[in-house]
């Protein structure tokens, strides 16, 4: 049985018709002039920033940090929306509890850019971090679209620069196939109170530009899983991405890979961002995985 607080949030999302608001934000995504680090983080972290292609990479380092674990975080938002306060709160919790560095990538978004620019910025930024923190062990992490980006980037490194592959990946409710062609998705629309199916399909097309959405860089479920790092995937049974997460789990069972899947009953999309006990469970599992 899910927690009372999770049940309340699910009911609230339905009552306010959250899908409608999300779809509206997809059509006219808001933009800020620069990435702003919440001021309260400056009290407990040393913060550094550099820019690549006009976009920011912000690194949070706990002031008592002495380890070499370094998480690269990609925020969700259907490749259209900027990161928000919930993302910062999540990475603050993880960086504090795991006592690790976290670099937040404010990567290029559609419709101003497509995935080609996004991967160019991500690759250049990753190269720069690896050069500056040459002794660090990097871990890729992302939620929703950011989870898809993390997996796709790991696959890209496996194909092009296998010596640079991070040893671990952490995916929260990942968007694995931007085509949304899985016929089982239709059966999930009633349960998902947040994600609009049509809006996601249109968002995927904008991110792809005029390119084939089956490309693994866009839909990493179509990419090779062999040779990438150990990977953990969290997904909920009441989110649109459930069908493709289950599909990826079945694919992984037929491959020589080290993937672990955590299915949470009745959880809404991206529940790791919510103030609920189930999110704390995910975060605790994540901390153990980082420090293992």
C-alpha atoms as a PDB file:
ATOM      1  CA  UNK A   1       0.000   0.000   0.000  1.00  0.00           C
ATOM      2  CA  UNK A   2       1.281   3.467  -0.870  1.00  0.00           C
ATOM      3  CA  UNK A   3       1.805   6.141   1.773  1.00  0.00           C
ATOM      4  CA  UNK A   4      -0.921   8.606   2.732  1.00  0.00           C
ATOM      5  CA  UNK A   5       1.150  11.515   1.443  1.00  0.00           C
ATOM      6  CA  UNK A   6       1.719   9.812  -1.931  1.00  0.00           C
ATOM      7  CA  UNK A   7      -2.006   9.141  -2.216  1.00  0.00           C
ATOM      8  CA  UNK A   8      -2.805  12.777  -1.416  1.00  0.00           C
ATOM      9  CA  UNK A   9      -0.396  14.043  -4.084  1.00  0.00           C
ATOM     10  CA  UNK A  10      -1.881  11.685  -6.674  1.00  0.00           C
ATOM     11  CA  UNK A  11      -5.389  12.915  -5.870  1.00  0.00           C
ATOM     12  CA  UNK A  12      -4.285  16.552  -6.010  1.00  0.00           C
ATOM     13  CA  UNK A  13      -2.660  16.073  -9.421  1.00  0.00           C
ATOM     14  CA  UNK A  14      -5.936  14.699 -10.702  1.00  0.00           C
ATOM     15  CA  UNK A  15      -8.115  17.367  -9.095  1.00  0.00           C
ATOM     16  CA  UNK A  16      -6.132  20.275 -10.541  1.00  0.00           C
ATOM     17  CA  UNK A  17      -5.840  18.538 -13.934  1.00  0.00           C
ATOM     18  CA  UNK A  18      -2.055  18.749 -13.815  1.00  0.00           C
ATOM     19  CA  UNK A  19      -1.767  17.271 -17.318  1.00  0.00           C
ATOM     20  CA  UNK A  20      -3.397  20.385 -18.749  1.00  0.00           C
ATOM     21  CA  UNK A  21      -0.873  22.676 -17.059  1.00  0.00           C
ATOM     22  CA  UNK A  22       2.047  20.517 -18.166  1.00  0.00           C
ATOM     23  CA  UNK A  23       0.855  20.460 -21.767  1.00  0.00           C
ATOM     24  CA  UNK A  24       0.461  24.235 -21.699  1.00  0.00           C
ATOM     25  CA  UNK A  25       4.015  24.639 -20.405  1.00  0.00           C
ATOM     26  CA  UNK A  26       5.267  22.372 -23.216  1.00  0.00           C
ATOM     27  CA  UNK A  27       3.719  24.677 -25.814  1.00  0.00           C
ATOM     28  CA  UNK A  28       5.323  27.798 -24.365  1.00  0.00           C
ATOM     29  CA  UNK A  29       8.283  26.783 -22.192  1.00  0.00           C
ATOM     30  CA  UNK A  30       9.531  29.499 -19.847  1.00  0.00           C
ATOM     31  CA  UNK A  31      13.130  30.640 -20.055  1.00  0.00           C
ATOM     32  CA  UNK A  32      15.411  32.356 -17.539  1.00  0.00           C
ATOM     33  CA  UNK A  33      18.424  34.423 -18.492  1.00  0.00           C
ATOM     34  CA  UNK A  34      20.833  32.279 -16.462  1.00  0.00           C
ATOM     35  CA  UNK A  35      20.949  29.275 -14.155  1.00  0.00           C
ATOM     36  CA  UNK A  36      20.445  30.411 -10.567  1.00  0.00           C
ATOM     37  CA  UNK A  37      21.800  28.346  -7.695  1.00  0.00           C
ATOM     38  CA  UNK A  38      19.512  28.547  -4.626  1.00  0.00           C
ATOM     39  CA  UNK A  39      21.279  30.799  -2.121  1.00  0.00           C
ATOM     40  CA  UNK A  40      20.883  28.423   0.819  1.00  0.00           C
ATOM     41  CA  UNK A  41      23.159  25.904  -0.933  1.00  0.00           C
ATOM     42  CA  UNK A  42      26.086  28.308  -0.596  1.00  0.00           C
ATOM     43  CA  UNK A  43      26.094  27.682   3.163  1.00  0.00           C
ATOM     44  CA  UNK A  44      26.914  23.987   2.894  1.00  0.00           C
ATOM     45  CA  UNK A  45      28.573  23.656  -0.519  1.00  0.00           C
ATOM     46  CA  UNK A  46      31.485  25.127  -2.378  1.00  0.00           C
ATOM     47  CA  UNK A  47      29.995  26.078  -5.748  1.00  0.00           C
ATOM     48  CA  UNK A  48      31.848  26.438  -9.038  1.00  0.00           C
ATOM     49  CA  UNK A  49      30.483  27.182 -12.495  1.00  0.00           C
ATOM     50  CA  UNK A  50      31.646  27.217 -16.099  1.00  0.00           C
ATOM     51  CA  UNK A  51      29.846  27.613 -19.384  1.00  0.00           C
ATOM     52  CA  UNK A  52      29.843  25.600 -22.603  1.00  0.00           C
ATOM     53  CA  UNK A  53      27.934  26.843 -25.642  1.00  0.00           C
ATOM     54  CA  UNK A  54      26.331  29.499 -23.452  1.00  0.00           C
ATOM     55  CA  UNK A  55      24.944  26.922 -21.001  1.00  0.00           C
ATOM     56  CA  UNK A  56      26.032  26.397 -17.408  1.00  0.00           C
ATOM     57  CA  UNK A  57      27.600  23.486 -15.580  1.00  0.00           C
ATOM     58  CA  UNK A  58      27.378  24.032 -11.827  1.00  0.00           C
ATOM     59  CA  UNK A  59      29.309  21.830  -9.417  1.00  0.00           C
ATOM     60  CA  UNK A  60      28.276  21.470  -5.778  1.00  0.00           C
ATOM     61  CA  UNK A  61      31.012  20.212  -3.457  1.00  0.00           C
ATOM     62  CA  UNK A  62      30.144  19.523   0.210  1.00  0.00           C
ATOM     63  CA  UNK A  63      32.472  21.603   2.343  1.00  0.00           C
ATOM     64  CA  UNK A  64      33.622  18.488   4.208  1.00  0.00           C
ATOM     65  CA  UNK A  65      34.022  16.420   1.029  1.00  0.00           C
ATOM     66  CA  UNK A  66      37.153  14.279   0.826  1.00  0.00           C
ATOM     67  CA  UNK A  67      35.979  11.540  -1.557  1.00  0.00           C
ATOM     68  CA  UNK A  68      36.161  11.114  -5.306  1.00  0.00           C
ATOM     69  CA  UNK A  69      32.547  10.205  -6.173  1.00  0.00           C
ATOM     70  CA  UNK A  70      31.200  12.734  -8.676  1.00  0.00           C
ATOM     71  CA  UNK A  71      27.609  12.642  -9.954  1.00  0.00           C
ATOM     72  CA  UNK A  72      26.643  14.301 -13.228  1.00  0.00           C
ATOM     73  CA  UNK A  73      22.968  15.238 -13.038  1.00  0.00           C
ATOM     74  CA  UNK A  74      20.588  15.800 -15.959  1.00  0.00           C
ATOM     75  CA  UNK A  75      17.236  17.317 -14.995  1.00  0.00           C
ATOM     76  CA  UNK A  76      13.910  16.244 -16.456  1.00  0.00           C
ATOM     77  CA  UNK A  77      11.370  18.323 -18.349  1.00  0.00           C
ATOM     78  CA  UNK A  78      10.670  16.586 -21.671  1.00  0.00           C
ATOM     79  CA  UNK A  79      13.767  18.262 -23.182  1.00  0.00           C
ATOM     80  CA  UNK A  80      11.676  21.462 -23.212  1.00  0.00           C
ATOM     81  CA  UNK A  81      11.529  22.700 -19.626  1.00  0.00           C
ATOM     82  CA  UNK A  82      14.293  24.080 -17.447  1.00  0.00           C
ATOM     83  CA  UNK A  83      15.198  22.500 -14.143  1.00  0.00           C
ATOM     84  CA  UNK A  84      13.367  23.729 -11.064  1.00  0.00           C
ATOM     85  CA  UNK A  85      13.568  23.934  -7.273  1.00  0.00           C
ATOM     86  CA  UNK A  86      12.563  20.276  -6.868  1.00  0.00           C
ATOM     87  CA  UNK A  87      15.618  19.193  -8.850  1.00  0.00           C
ATOM     88  CA  UNK A  88      17.917  21.313  -6.708  1.00  0.00           C
ATOM     89  CA  UNK A  89      16.358  19.898  -3.544  1.00  0.00           C
ATOM     90  CA  UNK A  90      16.952  16.361  -4.794  1.00  0.00           C
ATOM     91  CA  UNK A  91      20.596  16.867  -5.654  1.00  0.00           C
ATOM     92  CA  UNK A  92      21.158  18.695  -2.369  1.00  0.00           C
ATOM     93  CA  UNK A  93      19.874  15.641  -0.483  1.00  0.00           C
ATOM     94  CA  UNK A  94      21.988  13.232  -2.497  1.00  0.00           C
ATOM     95  CA  UNK A  95      25.174  15.310  -2.349  1.00  0.00           C
ATOM     96  CA  UNK A  96      24.778  15.766   1.402  1.00  0.00           C
ATOM     97  CA  UNK A  97      23.909  12.164   2.293  1.00  0.00           C
ATOM     98  CA  UNK A  98      26.454  10.605  -0.061  1.00  0.00           C
ATOM     99  CA  UNK A  99      29.048  13.327   0.633  1.00  0.00           C
ATOM    100  CA  UNK A 100      29.790  13.487  -3.081  1.00  0.00           C
ATOM    101  CA  UNK A 101      30.242  16.149  -5.714  1.00  0.00           C
ATOM    102  CA  UNK A 102      27.320  16.786  -8.058  1.00  0.00           C
ATOM    103  CA  UNK A 103      27.590  18.674 -11.344  1.00  0.00           C
ATOM    104  CA  UNK A 104      24.288  20.020 -12.630  1.00  0.00           C
ATOM    105  CA  UNK A 105      24.112  20.318 -16.425  1.00  0.00           C
ATOM    106  CA  UNK A 106      21.858  23.096 -17.709  1.00  0.00           C
ATOM    107  CA  UNK A 107      21.860  21.519 -21.176  1.00  0.00           C
ATOM    108  CA  UNK A 108      20.391  23.036 -24.399  1.00  0.00           C
ATOM    109  CA  UNK A 109      16.638  22.579 -24.757  1.00  0.00           C
ATOM    110  CA  UNK A 110      14.104  22.350 -27.556  1.00  0.00           C
ATOM    111  CA  UNK A 111      12.650  24.083 -29.469  1.00  0.00           C
ATOM    112  CA  UNK A 112      15.651  26.448 -29.638  1.00  0.00           C
ATOM    113  CA  UNK A 113      18.006  23.476 -30.002  1.00  0.00           C
ATOM    114  CA  UNK A 114      17.736  19.820 -30.929  1.00  0.00           C
ATOM    115  CA  UNK A 115      19.531  16.771 -29.562  1.00  0.00           C
ATOM    116  CA  UNK A 116      22.648  17.364 -31.676  1.00  0.00           C
ATOM    117  CA  UNK A 117      23.432  20.574 -29.792  1.00  0.00           C
ATOM    118  CA  UNK A 118      22.502  18.937 -26.496  1.00  0.00           C
ATOM    119  CA  UNK A 119      24.994  16.103 -26.948  1.00  0.00           C
ATOM    120  CA  UNK A 120      27.689  18.481 -28.169  1.00  0.00           C
ATOM    121  CA  UNK A 121      27.341  20.549 -25.002  1.00  0.00           C
ATOM    122  CA  UNK A 122      27.173  17.465 -22.778  1.00  0.00           C
ATOM    123  CA  UNK A 123      30.264  15.890 -24.353  1.00  0.00           C
ATOM    124  CA  UNK A 124      32.341  19.066 -24.116  1.00  0.00           C
ATOM    125  CA  UNK A 125      31.243  19.621 -20.514  1.00  0.00           C
ATOM    126  CA  UNK A 126      32.009  16.026 -19.556  1.00  0.00           C
ATOM    127  CA  UNK A 127      35.461  16.293 -21.114  1.00  0.00           C
ATOM    128  CA  UNK A 128      36.152  19.460 -19.154  1.00  0.00           C
ATOM    129  CA  UNK A 129      35.031  17.917 -15.863  1.00  0.00           C
ATOM    130  CA  UNK A 130      37.134  14.802 -16.445  1.00  0.00           C
ATOM    131  CA  UNK A 131      40.158  16.988 -17.119  1.00  0.00           C
ATOM    132  CA  UNK A 132      39.631  19.178 -14.044  1.00  0.00           C
ATOM    133  CA  UNK A 133      38.665  16.345 -11.673  1.00  0.00           C
ATOM    134  CA  UNK A 134      40.959  13.708 -13.120  1.00  0.00           C
ATOM    135  CA  UNK A 135      40.903  11.509  -9.995  1.00  0.00           C
ATOM    136  CA  UNK A 136      37.107  11.431  -9.668  1.00  0.00           C
ATOM    137  CA  UNK A 137      34.818   8.500 -10.367  1.00  0.00           C
ATOM    138  CA  UNK A 138      31.904   9.826 -12.400  1.00  0.00           C
ATOM    139  CA  UNK A 139      28.316   8.632 -12.166  1.00  0.00           C
ATOM    140  CA  UNK A 140      25.540   9.619 -14.562  1.00  0.00           C
ATOM    141  CA  UNK A 141      22.153  10.429 -13.055  1.00  0.00           C
ATOM    142  CA  UNK A 142      18.919  11.869 -14.387  1.00  0.00           C
ATOM    143  CA  UNK A 143      15.183  11.999 -13.931  1.00  0.00           C
ATOM    144  CA  UNK A 144      12.571  11.657 -16.690  1.00  0.00           C
ATOM    145  CA  UNK A 145      14.070  13.102 -19.894  1.00  0.00           C
ATOM    146  CA  UNK A 146      17.309  13.547 -17.953  1.00  0.00           C
ATOM    147  CA  UNK A 147      17.295   9.826 -17.231  1.00  0.00           C
ATOM    148  CA  UNK A 148      16.973   9.104 -20.939  1.00  0.00           C
ATOM    149  CA  UNK A 149      19.796  11.538 -21.654  1.00  0.00           C
ATOM    150  CA  UNK A 150      22.022   9.887 -19.041  1.00  0.00           C
ATOM    151  CA  UNK A 151      21.491   6.435 -20.556  1.00  0.00           C
ATOM    152  CA  UNK A 152      21.936   7.678 -24.125  1.00  0.00           C
ATOM    153  CA  UNK A 153      25.153   9.516 -23.230  1.00  0.00           C
ATOM    154  CA  UNK A 154      26.543   6.402 -21.563  1.00  0.00           C
ATOM    155  CA  UNK A 155      25.726   4.440 -24.730  1.00  0.00           C
ATOM    156  CA  UNK A 156      27.380   7.125 -26.849  1.00  0.00           C
ATOM    157  CA  UNK A 157      30.561   6.871 -24.800  1.00  0.00           C
ATOM    158  CA  UNK A 158      30.497   3.082 -25.094  1.00  0.00           C
ATOM    159  CA  UNK A 159      30.311   3.419 -28.874  1.00  0.00           C
ATOM    160  CA  UNK A 160      32.854   6.211 -29.309  1.00  0.00           C
ATOM    161  CA  UNK A 161      35.091   6.516 -26.221  1.00  0.00           C
ATOM    162  CA  UNK A 162      34.864   3.295 -24.200  1.00  0.00           C
ATOM    163  CA  UNK A 163      37.686   4.306 -21.869  1.00  0.00           C
ATOM    164  CA  UNK A 164      35.604   7.250 -20.673  1.00  0.00           C
ATOM    165  CA  UNK A 165      32.446   5.357 -19.642  1.00  0.00           C
ATOM    166  CA  UNK A 166      31.252   6.172 -16.122  1.00  0.00           C
ATOM    167  CA  UNK A 167      31.072   2.999 -14.024  1.00  0.00           C
ATOM    168  CA  UNK A 168      27.534   3.702 -12.760  1.00  0.00           C
ATOM    169  CA  UNK A 169      24.221   5.145 -13.970  1.00  0.00           C
ATOM    170  CA  UNK A 170      21.154   6.101 -11.920  1.00  0.00           C
ATOM    171  CA  UNK A 171      17.850   6.618 -13.723  1.00  0.00           C
ATOM    172  CA  UNK A 172      14.674   7.962 -12.119  1.00  0.00           C
ATOM    173  CA  UNK A 173      11.474   7.447 -14.173  1.00  0.00           C
ATOM    174  CA  UNK A 174      13.515   7.632 -17.408  1.00  0.00           C
ATOM    175  CA  UNK A 175      12.040   8.624 -20.771  1.00  0.00           C
ATOM    176  CA  UNK A 176      13.437   5.790 -22.859  1.00  0.00           C
ATOM    177  CA  UNK A 177      11.574   6.134 -26.172  1.00  0.00           C
ATOM    178  CA  UNK A 178      10.490   9.588 -27.311  1.00  0.00           C
ATOM    179  CA  UNK A 179       8.324   8.131 -30.090  1.00  0.00           C
ATOM    180  CA  UNK A 180       5.891   6.817 -27.433  1.00  0.00           C
ATOM    181  CA  UNK A 181       4.953   4.061 -29.879  1.00  0.00           C
ATOM    182  CA  UNK A 182       4.640   1.281 -27.330  1.00  0.00           C
ATOM    183  CA  UNK A 183       0.963   0.186 -27.626  1.00  0.00           C
ATOM    184  CA  UNK A 184       0.829  -0.536 -23.883  1.00  0.00           C
ATOM    185  CA  UNK A 185       1.221   3.179 -23.110  1.00  0.00           C
ATOM    186  CA  UNK A 186      -2.426   3.845 -23.971  1.00  0.00           C
ATOM    187  CA  UNK A 187      -3.498   1.658 -21.057  1.00  0.00           C
ATOM    188  CA  UNK A 188      -1.541   3.887 -18.664  1.00  0.00           C
ATOM    189  CA  UNK A 189      -3.086   7.255 -19.567  1.00  0.00           C
ATOM    190  CA  UNK A 190      -5.835   6.899 -16.980  1.00  0.00           C
ATOM    191  CA  UNK A 191      -3.337   6.209 -14.174  1.00  0.00           C
ATOM    192  CA  UNK A 192      -0.755   8.918 -14.962  1.00  0.00           C
ATOM    193  CA  UNK A 193      -2.035  12.211 -13.540  1.00  0.00           C
ATOM    194  CA  UNK A 194       0.887  14.314 -14.738  1.00  0.00           C
ATOM    195  CA  UNK A 195       2.174  13.407 -18.204  1.00  0.00           C
ATOM    196  CA  UNK A 196       0.145  14.296 -21.328  1.00  0.00           C
ATOM    197  CA  UNK A 197       0.720  11.703 -24.045  1.00  0.00           C
ATOM    198  CA  UNK A 198       0.162  14.004 -27.014  1.00  0.00           C
ATOM    199  CA  UNK A 199       2.325  16.708 -25.439  1.00  0.00           C
ATOM    200  CA  UNK A 200       5.186  14.244 -24.986  1.00  0.00           C
ATOM    201  CA  UNK A 201       4.960  13.069 -28.594  1.00  0.00           C
ATOM    202  CA  UNK A 202       5.188  16.677 -29.801  1.00  0.00           C
ATOM    203  CA  UNK A 203       8.037  17.432 -27.376  1.00  0.00           C
ATOM    204  CA  UNK A 204       9.968  14.447 -28.715  1.00  0.00           C
ATOM    205  CA  UNK A 205       9.556  15.673 -32.286  1.00  0.00           C
ATOM    206  CA  UNK A 206      10.893  19.109 -31.358  1.00  0.00           C
ATOM    207  CA  UNK A 207      13.920  17.619 -29.624  1.00  0.00           C
ATOM    208  CA  UNK A 208      14.597  15.312 -32.578  1.00  0.00           C
ATOM    209  CA  UNK A 209      14.319  18.077 -35.168  1.00  0.00           C
ATOM    210  CA  UNK A 210      13.951  16.374 -38.528  1.00  0.00           C
ATOM    211  CA  UNK A 211      15.740  13.245 -37.359  1.00  0.00           C
ATOM    212  CA  UNK A 212      14.502   9.711 -36.779  1.00  0.00           C
ATOM    213  CA  UNK A 213      13.162   9.359 -33.236  1.00  0.00           C
ATOM    214  CA  UNK A 214      14.341   5.728 -33.190  1.00  0.00           C
ATOM    215  CA  UNK A 215      17.963   6.894 -33.027  1.00  0.00           C
ATOM    216  CA  UNK A 216      19.357   5.586 -29.736  1.00  0.00           C
ATOM    217  CA  UNK A 217      20.571   9.067 -28.783  1.00  0.00           C
ATOM    218  CA  UNK A 218      16.914  10.094 -28.772  1.00  0.00           C
ATOM    219  CA  UNK A 219      15.423   6.797 -27.634  1.00  0.00           C
ATOM    220  CA  UNK A 220      18.086   4.862 -25.710  1.00  0.00           C
ATOM    221  CA  UNK A 221      15.845   1.811 -25.423  1.00  0.00           C
ATOM    222  CA  UNK A 222      17.046   1.135 -28.991  1.00  0.00           C
ATOM    223  CA  UNK A 223      20.719   1.340 -28.059  1.00  0.00           C
ATOM    224  CA  UNK A 224      23.173  -1.297 -26.892  1.00  0.00           C
ATOM    225  CA  UNK A 225      23.248  -1.977 -23.170  1.00  0.00           C
ATOM    226  CA  UNK A 226      26.452  -3.991 -23.167  1.00  0.00           C
ATOM    227  CA  UNK A 227      29.632  -2.256 -21.980  1.00  0.00           C
ATOM    228  CA  UNK A 228      27.907   0.588 -20.132  1.00  0.00           C
ATOM    229  CA  UNK A 229      28.293   0.881 -16.380  1.00  0.00           C
ATOM    230  CA  UNK A 230      26.235  -0.730 -13.636  1.00  0.00           C
ATOM    231  CA  UNK A 231      22.777   0.804 -13.815  1.00  0.00           C
ATOM    232  CA  UNK A 232      19.817   1.134 -11.467  1.00  0.00           C
ATOM    233  CA  UNK A 233      16.388   2.151 -12.740  1.00  0.00           C
ATOM    234  CA  UNK A 234      13.432   3.340 -10.663  1.00  0.00           C
ATOM    235  CA  UNK A 235       9.947   3.457 -12.172  1.00  0.00           C
ATOM    236  CA  UNK A 236       6.349   3.612 -11.023  1.00  0.00           C
ATOM    237  CA  UNK A 237       3.430   1.486 -12.171  1.00  0.00           C
ATOM    238  CA  UNK A 238       1.180   4.526 -12.672  1.00  0.00           C
ATOM    239  CA  UNK A 239       3.332   6.544 -15.053  1.00  0.00           C
ATOM    240  CA  UNK A 240       3.283   6.598 -18.847  1.00  0.00           C
ATOM    241  CA  UNK A 241       6.915   5.498 -18.957  1.00  0.00           C
ATOM    242  CA  UNK A 242       6.110   2.281 -17.074  1.00  0.00           C
ATOM    243  CA  UNK A 243       5.587   0.298 -20.298  1.00  0.00           C
ATOM    244  CA  UNK A 244       8.998   1.170 -21.727  1.00  0.00           C
ATOM    245  CA  UNK A 245      10.759   0.689 -18.385  1.00  0.00           C
ATOM    246  CA  UNK A 246       9.289  -2.829 -18.247  1.00  0.00           C
ATOM    247  CA  UNK A 247      10.404  -3.350 -21.845  1.00  0.00           C
ATOM    248  CA  UNK A 248      13.949  -2.256 -20.985  1.00  0.00           C
ATOM    249  CA  UNK A 249      13.930  -4.628 -18.029  1.00  0.00           C
ATOM    250  CA  UNK A 250      13.017  -7.521 -20.310  1.00  0.00           C
ATOM    251  CA  UNK A 251      15.726  -6.522 -22.809  1.00  0.00           C
ATOM    252  CA  UNK A 252      18.314  -6.353 -20.027  1.00  0.00           C
ATOM    253  CA  UNK A 253      17.484  -9.899 -18.901  1.00  0.00           C
ATOM    254  CA  UNK A 254      18.483 -11.148 -22.343  1.00  0.00           C
ATOM    255  CA  UNK A 255      21.754  -9.215 -22.351  1.00  0.00           C
ATOM    256  CA  UNK A 256      25.018  -9.549 -20.465  1.00  0.00           C
ATOM    257  CA  UNK A 257      24.543  -6.384 -18.424  1.00  0.00           C
ATOM    258  CA  UNK A 258      24.367  -5.368 -14.777  1.00  0.00           C
ATOM    259  CA  UNK A 259      21.006  -3.605 -14.542  1.00  0.00           C
ATOM    260  CA  UNK A 260      18.814  -3.504 -11.437  1.00  0.00           C
ATOM    261  CA  UNK A 261      15.199  -2.360 -11.646  1.00  0.00           C
ATOM    262  CA  UNK A 262      13.058  -1.046  -8.803  1.00  0.00           C
ATOM    263  CA  UNK A 263       9.339  -0.998  -9.552  1.00  0.00           C
ATOM    264  CA  UNK A 264       7.175   1.044  -7.175  1.00  0.00           C
ATOM    265  CA  UNK A 265       3.471   0.257  -7.104  1.00  0.00           C
ATOM    266  CA  UNK A 266       1.066   3.116  -7.859  1.00  0.00           C
ATOM    267  CA  UNK A 267       3.764   5.772  -8.001  1.00  0.00           C
ATOM    268  CA  UNK A 268       3.253   8.768 -10.249  1.00  0.00           C
ATOM    269  CA  UNK A 269       5.912   9.997 -12.658  1.00  0.00           C
ATOM    270  CA  UNK A 270       9.080  11.377 -11.059  1.00  0.00           C
ATOM    271  CA  UNK A 271       7.876  10.641  -7.522  1.00  0.00           C
ATOM    272  CA  UNK A 272      11.496  10.873  -6.373  1.00  0.00           C
ATOM    273  CA  UNK A 273      10.986  14.650  -6.440  1.00  0.00           C
ATOM    274  CA  UNK A 274       7.983  14.558  -4.082  1.00  0.00           C
ATOM    275  CA  UNK A 275       8.063  14.918  -0.253  1.00  0.00           C
ATOM    276  CA  UNK A 276       6.873  11.359   0.363  1.00  0.00           C
ATOM    277  CA  UNK A 277       8.310   8.255   2.111  1.00  0.00           C
ATOM    278  CA  UNK A 278       8.666   6.412  -1.197  1.00  0.00           C
ATOM    279  CA  UNK A 279      11.013   9.130  -2.452  1.00  0.00           C
ATOM    280  CA  UNK A 280      13.154   8.744   0.675  1.00  0.00           C
ATOM    281  CA  UNK A 281      13.387   5.011  -0.028  1.00  0.00           C
ATOM    282  CA  UNK A 282      14.649   5.725  -3.537  1.00  0.00           C
ATOM    283  CA  UNK A 283      17.176   8.267  -2.272  1.00  0.00           C
ATOM    284  CA  UNK A 284      18.503   5.850   0.367  1.00  0.00           C
ATOM    285  CA  UNK A 285      18.935   3.115  -2.253  1.00  0.00           C
ATOM    286  CA  UNK A 286      20.682   5.642  -4.481  1.00  0.00           C
ATOM    287  CA  UNK A 287      23.106   6.637  -1.705  1.00  0.00           C
ATOM    288  CA  UNK A 288      24.008   2.991  -1.109  1.00  0.00           C
ATOM    289  CA  UNK A 289      24.614   2.493  -4.825  1.00  0.00           C
ATOM    290  CA  UNK A 290      26.831   5.579  -5.073  1.00  0.00           C
ATOM    291  CA  UNK A 291      28.955   4.578  -2.092  1.00  0.00           C
ATOM    292  CA  UNK A 292      29.144   0.853  -2.865  1.00  0.00           C
END
